[in-house]
Protein backbone atom coordinates (compact mmCIF):
# COMPACT_ATOMS: atom_id res chain seq x y z
CA UNK A 1 33.79 -18.18 1.16
CA UNK A 2 32.48 -16.80 -2.13
CA UNK A 3 32.26 -13.01 -2.78
CA UNK A 4 29.23 -11.56 -3.86
CA UNK A 5 30.79 -8.64 -5.76
CA UNK A 6 30.33 -10.26 -9.19
CA UNK A 7 26.55 -11.01 -8.54
CA UNK A 8 26.10 -7.37 -7.34
CA UNK A 9 27.55 -6.07 -10.54
CA UNK A 10 25.21 -8.27 -12.60
CA UNK A 11 22.20 -7.29 -10.65
CA UNK A 12 22.99 -3.53 -10.72
CA UNK A 13 23.90 -3.58 -14.26
CA UNK A 14 20.32 -3.03 -15.23
CA UNK A 15 19.43 -0.34 -12.64
CA UNK A 16 18.71 2.35 -15.11
CA UNK A 17 16.10 0.15 -16.96
CA UNK A 18 14.41 -0.78 -13.59
CA UNK A 19 13.36 2.72 -12.54
CA UNK A 20 9.50 2.97 -12.23
CA UNK A 21 7.76 4.86 -14.98
CA UNK A 22 5.67 8.00 -14.47
CA UNK A 23 2.50 5.89 -14.87
CA UNK A 24 3.81 3.54 -12.16
CA UNK A 25 4.57 6.39 -9.77
CA UNK A 26 1.15 7.94 -10.39
CA UNK A 27 -0.54 4.51 -9.56
CA UNK A 28 1.40 4.29 -6.40
CA UNK A 29 0.40 7.77 -5.46
CA UNK A 30 -3.19 7.04 -6.23
CA UNK A 31 -3.14 3.85 -3.89
CA UNK A 32 -0.94 5.50 -1.16
CA UNK A 33 -3.96 6.45 1.14
CA UNK A 34 -4.99 2.90 1.06
CA UNK A 35 -1.46 1.67 1.72
CA UNK A 36 -1.17 3.89 4.75
CA UNK A 37 -4.49 2.91 6.11
CA UNK A 38 -3.66 -0.84 5.83
CA UNK A 39 -0.46 0.01 7.77
CA UNK A 40 -2.26 1.73 10.31
CA UNK A 41 -4.63 -1.28 10.74
CA UNK A 42 -1.58 -3.70 10.96
CA UNK A 43 -0.07 -1.44 13.55
CA UNK A 44 -3.20 -1.61 15.60
CA UNK A 45 -3.52 -5.31 15.34
CA UNK A 46 0.12 -5.73 16.38
CA UNK A 47 -0.31 -3.54 19.46
CA UNK A 48 -3.27 -5.61 20.45
CA UNK A 49 -1.23 -8.62 20.32
CA UNK A 50 1.25 -7.42 22.74
CA UNK A 51 -1.14 -7.65 25.75
CA UNK A 52 -4.51 -9.16 26.78
CA UNK A 53 -7.41 -7.88 24.80
CA UNK A 54 -9.25 -4.99 26.01
CA UNK A 55 -11.91 -2.39 24.70
CA UNK A 56 -9.44 0.37 23.81
CA UNK A 57 -7.60 -2.07 21.42
CA UNK A 58 -10.86 -3.26 19.88
CA UNK A 59 -11.89 0.39 19.33
CA UNK A 60 -8.50 1.07 17.86
CA UNK A 61 -8.80 -1.81 15.45
CA UNK A 62 -12.38 -1.04 14.50
CA UNK A 63 -11.53 2.63 13.62
CA UNK A 64 -8.49 1.63 11.70
CA UNK A 65 -10.41 -0.94 9.75
CA UNK A 66 -13.15 1.58 9.02
CA UNK A 67 -10.42 4.00 7.71
CA UNK A 68 -9.00 1.30 5.58
CA UNK A 69 -12.42 0.43 4.06
CA UNK A 70 -13.09 4.08 3.51
CA UNK A 71 -9.72 4.38 1.70
CA UNK A 72 -10.52 1.19 -0.42
CA UNK A 73 -13.88 2.53 -1.22
CA UNK A 74 -12.54 5.86 -2.38
CA UNK A 75 -9.78 4.28 -4.46
CA UNK A 76 -12.48 1.99 -6.20
CA UNK A 77 -14.67 4.95 -6.88
CA UNK A 78 -11.57 6.97 -8.27
CA UNK A 79 -10.49 4.16 -10.49
CA UNK A 80 -14.01 3.33 -11.71
CA UNK A 81 -14.56 6.89 -12.61
CA UNK A 82 -11.29 7.22 -14.51
CA UNK A 83 -12.01 3.88 -16.42
CA UNK A 84 -15.38 5.11 -17.61
CA UNK A 85 -14.48 8.63 -18.38
CA UNK A 86 -15.47 9.55 -22.07
CA UNK A 87 -17.43 6.26 -22.39
CA UNK A 88 -20.61 5.60 -24.43
CA UNK A 89 -22.69 8.45 -25.80
């Protein structure tokens, strides 16, 4: 049996350098509504797989999909506005 302690030391030796930057954290925060909406959609789909299909599950999935699409649209609009700010005169 080989011990993993030496590998752990090598992996965690660069932990200080692997922290996310402020820009990366801002990007994650900007995308978090979309990420949460995608998780909600996945949860609804998983719940629907647990038993025979019914109208309530279909409605739950449809609403979750619409929230996810709204979040995706909002993110696209925010990022498009940020990239064109201060553009051509």
